[in-house]
Amino acid sequence: MWHTVLKRATCKNALFFDADLRGADILGAEMLGAVFDGARTDGLQNIRWATFRWFLSPLGGRPSYIPFPGCEVLEESAMGRYTRQENAGRVSRNMREKT
């Protein structure tokens, strides 16, 4: 996968075991829960702009990409209320309009 363009890719819980990611571009990629065991990541581009964790309020609500005091750190992709995009097909249109 060297020099692969993964811009805005959803790679939640992806397994990059022993992958050659040298020079790959991950601008805006969702990498929540991705595992990079043994991966070559020399020259990985735009790491700063990829998402590796979300921050949750103990009071509920949507996840934030920016940490704040008292937040809980979510480093894995979770099914249910946190990952709207993963579960978009599970809820009928009427239910989505009500929420």
PDB file of N, CA and C in Angstrom:
ATOM      1  N   MET A   1       0.815  -1.196   0.000  1.00  0.00           N
ATOM      2  CA  MET A   1       0.000   0.000   0.000  1.00  0.00           C
ATOM      3  C   MET A   1       0.857   1.258   0.000  1.00  0.00           C
ATOM      4  N   TRP A   2       2.105   1.156  -0.401  1.00  0.00           N
ATOM      5  CA  TRP A   2       2.957   2.330  -0.372  1.00  0.00           C
ATOM      6  C   TRP A   2       2.427   3.379  -1.342  1.00  0.00           C
ATOM      7  N   HIS A   3       2.463   4.619  -0.883  1.00  0.00           N
ATOM      8  CA  HIS A   3       2.001   5.796  -1.611  1.00  0.00           C
ATOM      9  C   HIS A   3       0.525   5.707  -2.003  1.00  0.00           C
ATOM     10  N   THR A   4      -0.258   4.944  -1.275  1.00  0.00           N
ATOM     11  CA  THR A   4      -1.701   4.862  -1.503  1.00  0.00           C
ATOM     12  C   THR A   4      -2.373   6.128  -0.997  1.00  0.00           C
ATOM     13  N   VAL A   5      -3.409   6.571  -1.673  1.00  0.00           N
ATOM     14  CA  VAL A   5      -4.166   7.738  -1.244  1.00  0.00           C
ATOM     15  C   VAL A   5      -5.399   7.245  -0.495  1.00  0.00           C
ATOM     16  N   LEU A   6      -5.423   7.511   0.814  1.00  0.00           N
ATOM     17  CA  LEU A   6      -6.556   7.122   1.661  1.00  0.00           C
ATOM     18  C   LEU A   6      -7.277   8.360   2.190  1.00  0.00           C
ATOM     19  N   LYS A   7      -7.292   9.425   1.402  1.00  0.00           N
ATOM     20  CA  LYS A   7      -7.935  10.666   1.830  1.00  0.00           C
ATOM     21  C   LYS A   7      -9.420  10.415   2.094  1.00  0.00           C
ATOM     22  N   ARG A   8      -9.861  10.828   3.291  1.00  0.00           N
ATOM     23  CA  ARG A   8     -11.245  10.717   3.748  1.00  0.00           C
ATOM     24  C   ARG A   8     -11.766   9.277   3.740  1.00  0.00           C
ATOM     25  N   ALA A   9     -10.880   8.304   3.764  1.00  0.00           N
ATOM     26  CA  ALA A   9     -11.292   6.903   3.805  1.00  0.00           C
ATOM     27  C   ALA A   9     -11.788   6.541   5.204  1.00  0.00           C
ATOM     28  N   THR A  10     -12.726   5.624   5.288  1.00  0.00           N
ATOM     29  CA  THR A  10     -13.188   5.107   6.570  1.00  0.00           C
ATOM     30  C   THR A  10     -12.472   3.786   6.800  1.00  0.00           C
ATOM     31  N   CYS A  11     -11.505   3.784   7.705  1.00  0.00           N
ATOM     32  CA  CYS A  11     -10.690   2.599   8.003  1.00  0.00           C
ATOM     33  C   CYS A  11     -10.870   2.212   9.460  1.00  0.00           C
ATOM     34  N   LYS A  12     -12.088   2.339   9.969  1.00  0.00           N
ATOM     35  CA  LYS A  12     -12.349   2.031  11.376  1.00  0.00           C
ATOM     36  C   LYS A  12     -12.137   0.544  11.611  1.00  0.00           C
ATOM     37  N   ASN A  13     -11.379   0.239  12.659  1.00  0.00           N
ATOM     38  CA  ASN A  13     -11.053  -1.134  13.055  1.00  0.00           C
ATOM     39  C   ASN A  13     -10.323  -1.913  11.961  1.00  0.00           C
ATOM     40  N   ALA A  14      -9.678  -1.215  11.023  1.00  0.00           N
ATOM     41  CA  ALA A  14      -8.930  -1.883   9.954  1.00  0.00           C
ATOM     42  C   ALA A  14      -7.659  -2.507  10.524  1.00  0.00           C
ATOM     43  N   LEU A  15      -7.226  -3.592   9.913  1.00  0.00           N
ATOM     44  CA  LEU A  15      -6.003  -4.283  10.326  1.00  0.00           C
ATOM     45  C   LEU A  15      -4.936  -4.049   9.267  1.00  0.00           C
ATOM     46  N   PHE A  16      -3.916  -3.292   9.621  1.00  0.00           N
ATOM     47  CA  PHE A  16      -2.802  -3.008   8.732  1.00  0.00           C
ATOM     48  C   PHE A  16      -1.571  -3.793   9.177  1.00  0.00           C
ATOM     49  N   PHE A  17      -1.731  -5.076   9.506  1.00  0.00           N
ATOM     50  CA  PHE A  17      -0.630  -5.903   9.969  1.00  0.00           C
ATOM     51  C   PHE A  17       0.408  -6.047   8.863  1.00  0.00           C
ATOM     52  N   ASP A  18       1.655  -5.690   9.182  1.00  0.00           N
ATOM     53  CA  ASP A  18       2.783  -5.805   8.259  1.00  0.00           C
ATOM     54  C   ASP A  18       2.549  -5.096   6.920  1.00  0.00           C
ATOM     55  N   ALA A  19       1.650  -4.125   6.865  1.00  0.00           N
ATOM     56  CA  ALA A  19       1.387  -3.391   5.630  1.00  0.00           C
ATOM     57  C   ALA A  19       2.510  -2.388   5.370  1.00  0.00           C
ATOM     58  N   ASP A  20       2.816  -2.183   4.116  1.00  0.00           N
ATOM     59  CA  ASP A  20       3.808  -1.194   3.719  1.00  0.00           C
ATOM     60  C   ASP A  20       3.052   0.082   3.362  1.00  0.00           C
ATOM     61  N   LEU A  21       2.960   1.003   4.316  1.00  0.00           N
ATOM     62  CA  LEU A  21       2.218   2.247   4.136  1.00  0.00           C
ATOM     63  C   LEU A  21       3.140   3.440   3.906  1.00  0.00           C
ATOM     64  N   ARG A  22       4.386   3.170   3.540  1.00  0.00           N
ATOM     65  CA  ARG A  22       5.347   4.263   3.350  1.00  0.00           C
ATOM     66  C   ARG A  22       4.843   5.260   2.309  1.00  0.00           C
ATOM     67  N   GLY A  23       4.781   6.529   2.723  1.00  0.00           N
ATOM     68  CA  GLY A  23       4.386   7.592   1.817  1.00  0.00           C
ATOM     69  C   GLY A  23       2.895   7.698   1.554  1.00  0.00           C
ATOM     70  N   ALA A  24       2.079   6.868   2.182  1.00  0.00           N
ATOM     71  CA  ALA A  24       0.627   6.936   1.972  1.00  0.00           C
ATOM     72  C   ALA A  24       0.076   8.239   2.531  1.00  0.00           C
ATOM     73  N   ASP A  25      -1.018   8.708   1.955  1.00  0.00           N
ATOM     74  CA  ASP A  25      -1.652   9.962   2.372  1.00  0.00           C
ATOM     75  C   ASP A  25      -2.970   9.633   3.061  1.00  0.00           C
ATOM     76  N   ILE A  26      -3.100   9.984   4.367  1.00  0.00           N
ATOM     77  CA  ILE A  26      -4.311   9.665   5.122  1.00  0.00           C
ATOM     78  C   ILE A  26      -5.064  10.917   5.565  1.00  0.00           C
ATOM     79  N   LEU A  27      -5.025  11.966   4.756  1.00  0.00           N
ATOM     80  CA  LEU A  27      -5.705  13.222   5.063  1.00  0.00           C
ATOM     81  C   LEU A  27      -7.197  12.989   5.295  1.00  0.00           C
ATOM     82  N   GLY A  28      -7.682  13.315   6.483  1.00  0.00           N
ATOM     83  CA  GLY A  28      -9.111  13.214   6.791  1.00  0.00           C
ATOM     84  C   GLY A  28      -9.633  11.806   6.968  1.00  0.00           C
ATOM     85  N   ALA A  29      -8.756  10.810   7.024  1.00  0.00           N
ATOM     86  CA  ALA A  29      -9.199   9.424   7.164  1.00  0.00           C
ATOM     87  C   ALA A  29      -9.668   9.142   8.591  1.00  0.00           C
ATOM     88  N   GLU A  30     -10.700   8.315   8.724  1.00  0.00           N
ATOM     89  CA  GLU A  30     -11.207   7.863  10.022  1.00  0.00           C
ATOM     90  C   GLU A  30     -10.463   6.568  10.353  1.00  0.00           C
ATOM     91  N   MET A  31      -9.528   6.612  11.287  1.00  0.00           N
ATOM     92  CA  MET A  31      -8.710   5.468  11.654  1.00  0.00           C
ATOM     93  C   MET A  31      -9.040   4.960  13.054  1.00  0.00           C
ATOM     94  N   LEU A  32     -10.224   5.239  13.536  1.00  0.00           N
ATOM     95  CA  LEU A  32     -10.622   4.861  14.885  1.00  0.00           C
ATOM     96  C   LEU A  32     -10.544   3.339  15.045  1.00  0.00           C
ATOM     97  N   GLY A  33      -9.696   2.869  15.930  1.00  0.00           N
ATOM     98  CA  GLY A  33      -9.564   1.436  16.187  1.00  0.00           C
ATOM     99  C   GLY A  33      -8.664   0.696  15.215  1.00  0.00           C
ATOM    100  N   ALA A  34      -8.048   1.393  14.260  1.00  0.00           N
ATOM    101  CA  ALA A  34      -7.154   0.726  13.309  1.00  0.00           C
ATOM    102  C   ALA A  34      -5.913   0.215  14.035  1.00  0.00           C
ATOM    103  N   VAL A  35      -5.402  -0.931  13.586  1.00  0.00           N
ATOM    104  CA  VAL A  35      -4.243  -1.565  14.213  1.00  0.00           C
ATOM    105  C   VAL A  35      -3.112  -1.616  13.187  1.00  0.00           C
ATOM    106  N   PHE A  36      -1.935  -1.135  13.584  1.00  0.00           N
ATOM    107  CA  PHE A  36      -0.798  -1.017  12.678  1.00  0.00           C
ATOM    108  C   PHE A  36       0.362  -1.921  13.089  1.00  0.00           C
ATOM    109  N   ASP A  37       0.128  -3.087  13.655  1.00  0.00           N
ATOM    110  CA  ASP A  37       1.189  -3.981  14.126  1.00  0.00           C
ATOM    111  C   ASP A  37       2.119  -4.378  12.980  1.00  0.00           C
ATOM    112  N   GLY A  38       3.377  -4.009  13.121  1.00  0.00           N
ATOM    113  CA  GLY A  38       4.387  -4.380  12.134  1.00  0.00           C
ATOM    114  C   GLY A  38       4.322  -3.574  10.849  1.00  0.00           C
ATOM    115  N   ALA A  39       3.459  -2.585  10.764  1.00  0.00           N
ATOM    116  CA  ALA A  39       3.318  -1.796   9.538  1.00  0.00           C
ATOM    117  C   ALA A  39       4.497  -0.849   9.363  1.00  0.00           C
ATOM    118  N   ARG A  40       4.882  -0.622   8.114  1.00  0.00           N
ATOM    119  CA  ARG A  40       5.920   0.361   7.785  1.00  0.00           C
ATOM    120  C   ARG A  40       5.209   1.673   7.511  1.00  0.00           C
ATOM    121  N   THR A  41       5.449   2.665   8.354  1.00  0.00           N
ATOM    122  CA  THR A  41       4.746   3.947   8.233  1.00  0.00           C
ATOM    123  C   THR A  41       5.698   5.111   7.991  1.00  0.00           C
ATOM    124  N   ASP A  42       6.898   4.832   7.495  1.00  0.00           N
ATOM    125  CA  ASP A  42       7.858   5.895   7.199  1.00  0.00           C
ATOM    126  C   ASP A  42       7.256   6.849   6.163  1.00  0.00           C
ATOM    127  N   GLY A  43       7.272   8.131   6.461  1.00  0.00           N
ATOM    128  CA  GLY A  43       6.796   9.117   5.503  1.00  0.00           C
ATOM    129  C   GLY A  43       5.289   9.145   5.325  1.00  0.00           C
ATOM    130  N   LEU A  44       4.553   8.572   6.252  1.00  0.00           N
ATOM    131  CA  LEU A  44       3.086   8.621   6.184  1.00  0.00           C
ATOM    132  C   LEU A  44       2.666  10.086   6.191  1.00  0.00           C
ATOM    133  N   GLN A  45       1.847  10.492   5.241  1.00  0.00           N
ATOM    134  CA  GLN A  45       1.515  11.906   5.062  1.00  0.00           C
ATOM    135  C   GLN A  45       0.194  12.279   5.732  1.00  0.00           C
ATOM    136  N   ASN A  46       0.135  13.492   6.236  1.00  0.00           N
ATOM    137  CA  ASN A  46      -1.075  14.092   6.828  1.00  0.00           C
ATOM    138  C   ASN A  46      -1.626  13.338   8.033  1.00  0.00           C
ATOM    139  N   ILE A  47      -0.748  12.781   8.848  1.00  0.00           N
ATOM    140  CA  ILE A  47      -1.172  12.093  10.072  1.00  0.00           C
ATOM    141  C   ILE A  47      -1.941  13.047  10.977  1.00  0.00           C
ATOM    142  N   ARG A  48      -1.509  14.279  11.009  1.00  0.00           N
ATOM    143  CA  ARG A  48      -2.135  15.282  11.874  1.00  0.00           C
ATOM    144  C   ARG A  48      -3.620  15.475  11.546  1.00  0.00           C
ATOM    145  N   TRP A  49      -4.008  15.237  10.318  1.00  0.00           N
ATOM    146  CA  TRP A  49      -5.383  15.480   9.877  1.00  0.00           C
ATOM    147  C   TRP A  49      -6.218  14.214   9.804  1.00  0.00           C
ATOM    148  N   ALA A  50      -5.721  13.098  10.281  1.00  0.00           N
ATOM    149  CA  ALA A  50      -6.499  11.858  10.360  1.00  0.00           C
ATOM    150  C   ALA A  50      -7.074  11.725  11.769  1.00  0.00           C
ATOM    151  N   THR A  51      -8.131  10.968  11.928  1.00  0.00           N
ATOM    152  CA  THR A  51      -8.777  10.793  13.225  1.00  0.00           C
ATOM    153  C   THR A  51      -8.447   9.411  13.781  1.00  0.00           C
ATOM    154  N   PHE A  52      -7.783   9.396  14.936  1.00  0.00           N
ATOM    155  CA  PHE A  52      -7.435   8.146  15.603  1.00  0.00           C
ATOM    156  C   PHE A  52      -8.211   7.965  16.898  1.00  0.00           C
ATOM    157  N   ARG A  53      -8.855   9.034  17.386  1.00  0.00           N
ATOM    158  CA  ARG A  53      -9.643   8.934  18.624  1.00  0.00           C
ATOM    159  C   ARG A  53     -10.712  10.010  18.632  1.00  0.00           C
ATOM    160  N   TRP A  54     -11.791   9.696  19.353  1.00  0.00           N
ATOM    161  CA  TRP A  54     -12.863  10.658  19.584  1.00  0.00           C
ATOM    162  C   TRP A  54     -12.916  10.961  21.064  1.00  0.00           C
ATOM    163  N   PHE A  55     -13.573  12.024  21.425  1.00  0.00           N
ATOM    164  CA  PHE A  55     -13.711  12.420  22.820  1.00  0.00           C
ATOM    165  C   PHE A  55     -15.198  12.535  23.142  1.00  0.00           C
ATOM    166  N   LEU A  56     -15.598  11.855  24.217  1.00  0.00           N
ATOM    167  CA  LEU A  56     -17.007  11.798  24.587  1.00  0.00           C
ATOM    168  C   LEU A  56     -17.265  12.544  25.880  1.00  0.00           C
ATOM    169  N   SER A  57     -18.400  13.201  25.934  1.00  0.00           N
ATOM    170  CA  SER A  57     -18.804  13.884  27.153  1.00  0.00           C
ATOM    171  C   SER A  57     -19.451  12.877  28.086  1.00  0.00           C
ATOM    172  N   PRO A  58     -19.154  12.921  29.378  1.00  0.00           N
ATOM    173  CA  PRO A  58     -19.831  12.022  30.330  1.00  0.00           C
ATOM    174  C   PRO A  58     -21.325  12.338  30.437  1.00  0.00           C
ATOM    175  N   LEU A  59     -21.741  13.481  29.914  1.00  0.00           N
ATOM    176  CA  LEU A  59     -23.153  13.867  29.945  1.00  0.00           C
ATOM    177  C   LEU A  59     -23.910  13.400  28.714  1.00  0.00           C
ATOM    178  N   GLY A  60     -23.223  12.755  27.771  1.00  0.00           N
ATOM    179  CA  GLY A  60     -23.861  12.280  26.549  1.00  0.00           C
ATOM    180  C   GLY A  60     -23.656  13.259  25.406  1.00  0.00           C
ATOM    181  N   GLY A  61     -24.293  12.986  24.300  1.00  0.00           N
ATOM    182  CA  GLY A  61     -24.144  13.828  23.118  1.00  0.00           C
ATOM    183  C   GLY A  61     -23.221  13.204  22.101  1.00  0.00           C
ATOM    184  N   ARG A  62     -22.990  13.932  21.040  1.00  0.00           N
ATOM    185  CA  ARG A  62     -22.144  13.438  19.950  1.00  0.00           C
ATOM    186  C   ARG A  62     -20.663  13.486  20.301  1.00  0.00           C
ATOM    187  N   PRO A  63     -19.889  12.601  19.692  1.00  0.00           N
ATOM    188  CA  PRO A  63     -18.441  12.631  19.921  1.00  0.00           C
ATOM    189  C   PRO A  63     -17.819  13.913  19.366  1.00  0.00           C
ATOM    190  N   SER A  64     -16.695  14.310  19.940  1.00  0.00           N
ATOM    191  CA  SER A  64     -15.952  15.486  19.500  1.00  0.00           C
ATOM    192  C   SER A  64     -14.586  15.030  19.008  1.00  0.00           C
ATOM    193  N   TYR A  65     -14.038  15.738  18.044  1.00  0.00           N
ATOM    194  CA  TYR A  65     -12.685  15.468  17.579  1.00  0.00           C
ATOM    195  C   TYR A  65     -11.657  16.223  18.403  1.00  0.00           C
ATOM    196  N   ILE A  66     -12.121  17.124  19.258  1.00  0.00           N
ATOM    197  CA  ILE A  66     -11.244  17.976  20.058  1.00  0.00           C
ATOM    198  C   ILE A  66     -11.382  17.604  21.530  1.00  0.00           C
ATOM    199  N   PRO A  67     -10.275  17.315  22.231  1.00  0.00           N
ATOM    200  CA  PRO A  67     -10.368  16.960  23.655  1.00  0.00           C
ATOM    201  C   PRO A  67     -10.833  18.146  24.492  1.00  0.00           C
ATOM    202  N   PHE A  68     -11.492  17.839  25.606  1.00  0.00           N
ATOM    203  CA  PHE A  68     -11.956  18.873  26.526  1.00  0.00           C
ATOM    204  C   PHE A  68     -11.901  18.302  27.938  1.00  0.00           C
ATOM    205  N   PRO A  69     -11.886  19.159  28.960  1.00  0.00           N
ATOM    206  CA  PRO A  69     -11.768  18.690  30.342  1.00  0.00           C
ATOM    207  C   PRO A  69     -12.902  17.719  30.712  1.00  0.00           C
ATOM    208  N   GLY A  70     -12.531  16.588  31.327  1.00  0.00           N
ATOM    209  CA  GLY A  70     -13.508  15.607  31.788  1.00  0.00           C
ATOM    210  C   GLY A  70     -14.006  14.653  30.721  1.00  0.00           C
ATOM    211  N   CYS A  71     -13.436  14.723  29.511  1.00  0.00           N
ATOM    212  CA  CYS A  71     -13.927  13.854  28.434  1.00  0.00           C
ATOM    213  C   CYS A  71     -13.407  12.426  28.593  1.00  0.00           C
ATOM    214  N   GLU A  72     -14.132  11.508  27.984  1.00  0.00           N
ATOM    215  CA  GLU A  72     -13.727  10.111  27.910  1.00  0.00           C
ATOM    216  C   GLU A  72     -13.142   9.902  26.517  1.00  0.00           C
ATOM    217  N   VAL A  73     -12.015   9.190  26.433  1.00  0.00           N
ATOM    218  CA  VAL A  73     -11.359   8.969  25.148  1.00  0.00           C
ATOM    219  C   VAL A  73     -11.868   7.661  24.547  1.00  0.00           C
ATOM    220  N   LEU A  74     -12.324   7.729  23.292  1.00  0.00           N
ATOM    221  CA  LEU A  74     -12.784   6.556  22.560  1.00  0.00           C
ATOM    222  C   LEU A  74     -11.757   6.279  21.468  1.00  0.00           C
ATOM    223  N   GLU A  75     -11.060   5.142  21.568  1.00  0.00           N
ATOM    224  CA  GLU A  75     -10.016   4.810  20.605  1.00  0.00           C
ATOM    225  C   GLU A  75     -10.381   3.641  19.706  1.00  0.00           C
ATOM    226  N   GLU A  76     -11.568   3.099  19.866  1.00  0.00           N
ATOM    227  CA  GLU A  76     -12.025   2.003  19.017  1.00  0.00           C
ATOM    228  C   GLU A  76     -13.374   2.361  18.440  1.00  0.00           C
ATOM    229  N   SER A  77     -13.656   1.830  17.281  1.00  0.00           N
ATOM    230  CA  SER A  77     -14.953   2.060  16.677  1.00  0.00           C
ATOM    231  C   SER A  77     -15.988   1.243  17.447  1.00  0.00           C
ATOM    232  N   ALA A  78     -17.079   1.879  17.794  1.00  0.00           N
ATOM    233  CA  ALA A  78     -18.125   1.208  18.579  1.00  0.00           C
ATOM    234  C   ALA A  78     -19.428   1.221  17.813  1.00  0.00           C
ATOM    235  N   MET A  79     -20.095   0.107  17.798  1.00  0.00           N
ATOM    236  CA  MET A  79     -21.409   0.066  17.182  1.00  0.00           C
ATOM    237  C   MET A  79     -22.393   0.754  18.116  1.00  0.00           C
ATOM    238  N   GLY A  80     -23.475   1.222  17.579  1.00  0.00           N
ATOM    239  CA  GLY A  80     -24.478   1.868  18.410  1.00  0.00           C
ATOM    240  C   GLY A  80     -24.525   3.357  18.177  1.00  0.00           C
ATOM    241  N   ARG A  81     -24.693   4.110  19.228  1.00  0.00           N
ATOM    242  CA  ARG A  81     -24.975   5.536  19.094  1.00  0.00           C
ATOM    243  C   ARG A  81     -23.778   6.382  18.680  1.00  0.00           C
ATOM    244  N   TYR A  82     -22.560   5.866  18.737  1.00  0.00           N
ATOM    245  CA  TYR A  82     -21.391   6.695  18.463  1.00  0.00           C
ATOM    246  C   TYR A  82     -21.035   6.792  16.983  1.00  0.00           C
ATOM    247  N   THR A  83     -21.287   5.756  16.227  1.00  0.00           N
ATOM    248  CA  THR A  83     -20.838   5.732  14.842  1.00  0.00           C
ATOM    249  C   THR A  83     -22.039   5.804  13.908  1.00  0.00           C
ATOM    250  N   ARG A  84     -22.534   6.978  13.693  1.00  0.00           N
ATOM    251  CA  ARG A  84     -23.730   7.196  12.881  1.00  0.00           C
ATOM    252  C   ARG A  84     -23.561   6.640  11.478  1.00  0.00           C
ATOM    253  N   GLN A  85     -22.435   6.858  10.864  1.00  0.00           N
ATOM    254  CA  GLN A  85     -22.246   6.438   9.489  1.00  0.00           C
ATOM    255  C   GLN A  85     -22.288   4.916   9.359  1.00  0.00           C
ATOM    256  N   GLU A  86     -21.714   4.192  10.295  1.00  0.00           N
ATOM    257  CA  GLU A  86     -21.713   2.736  10.226  1.00  0.00           C
ATOM    258  C   GLU A  86     -23.111   2.163  10.355  1.00  0.00           C
ATOM    259  N   ASN A  87     -23.971   2.847  11.069  1.00  0.00           N
ATOM    260  CA  ASN A  87     -25.303   2.315  11.349  1.00  0.00           C
ATOM    261  C   ASN A  87     -26.413   3.025  10.594  1.00  0.00           C
ATOM    262  N   ALA A  88     -26.078   3.828   9.610  1.00  0.00           N
ATOM    263  CA  ALA A  88     -27.088   4.614   8.903  1.00  0.00           C
ATOM    264  C   ALA A  88     -28.134   3.734   8.234  1.00  0.00           C
ATOM    265  N   GLY A  89     -27.745   2.569   7.751  1.00  0.00           N
ATOM    266  CA  GLY A  89     -28.687   1.695   7.068  1.00  0.00           C
ATOM    267  C   GLY A  89     -29.577   0.901   8.002  1.00  0.00           C
ATOM    268  N   ARG A  90     -29.309   0.919   9.287  1.00  0.00           N
ATOM    269  CA  ARG A  90     -30.083   0.130  10.235  1.00  0.00           C
ATOM    270  C   ARG A  90     -31.330   0.834  10.736  1.00  0.00           C
ATOM    271  N   VAL A  91     -31.420   2.131  10.540  1.00  0.00           N
ATOM    272  CA  VAL A  91     -32.539   2.899  11.064  1.00  0.00           C
ATOM    273  C   VAL A  91     -33.404   3.344   9.897  1.00  0.00           C
ATOM    274  N   SER A  92     -34.707   3.185  10.012  1.00  0.00           N
ATOM    275  CA  SER A  92     -35.583   3.593   8.932  1.00  0.00           C
ATOM    276  C   SER A  92     -35.553   5.109   8.768  1.00  0.00           C
ATOM    277  N   ARG A  93     -35.954   5.584   7.615  1.00  0.00           N
ATOM    278  CA  ARG A  93     -35.951   7.018   7.342  1.00  0.00           C
ATOM    279  C   ARG A  93     -36.821   7.766   8.341  1.00  0.00           C
ATOM    280  N   ASN A  94     -37.983   7.217   8.705  1.00  0.00           N
ATOM    281  CA  ASN A  94     -38.874   7.864   9.664  1.00  0.00           C
ATOM    282  C   ASN A  94     -38.198   8.046  11.015  1.00  0.00           C
ATOM    283  N   MET A  95     -37.443   7.059  11.454  1.00  0.00           N
ATOM    284  CA  MET A  95     -36.755   7.141  12.737  1.00  0.00           C
ATOM    285  C   MET A  95     -35.677   8.223  12.683  1.00  0.00           C
ATOM    286  N   ARG A  96     -34.966   8.338  11.569  1.00  0.00           N
ATOM    287  CA  ARG A  96     -33.916   9.348  11.441  1.00  0.00           C
ATOM    288  C   ARG A  96     -34.497  10.746  11.484  1.00  0.00           C
ATOM    289  N   GLU A  97     -35.668  10.939  10.894  1.00  0.00           N
ATOM    290  CA  GLU A  97     -36.281  12.254  10.897  1.00  0.00           C
ATOM    291  C   GLU A  97     -36.734  12.671  12.289  1.00  0.00           C
ATOM    292  N   LYS A  98     -37.070  11.690  13.148  1.00  0.00           N
ATOM    293  CA  LYS A  98     -37.529  11.994  14.502  1.00  0.00           C
ATOM    294  C   LYS A  98     -36.385  12.373  15.437  1.00  0.00           C
ATOM    295  N   THR A  99     -35.153  11.904  15.123  1.00  0.00           N
ATOM    296  CA  THR A  99     -34.015  12.169  15.999  1.00  0.00           C
ATOM    297  C   THR A  99     -33.283  13.403  15.608  1.00  0.00           C
TER     298      THR A  99
END
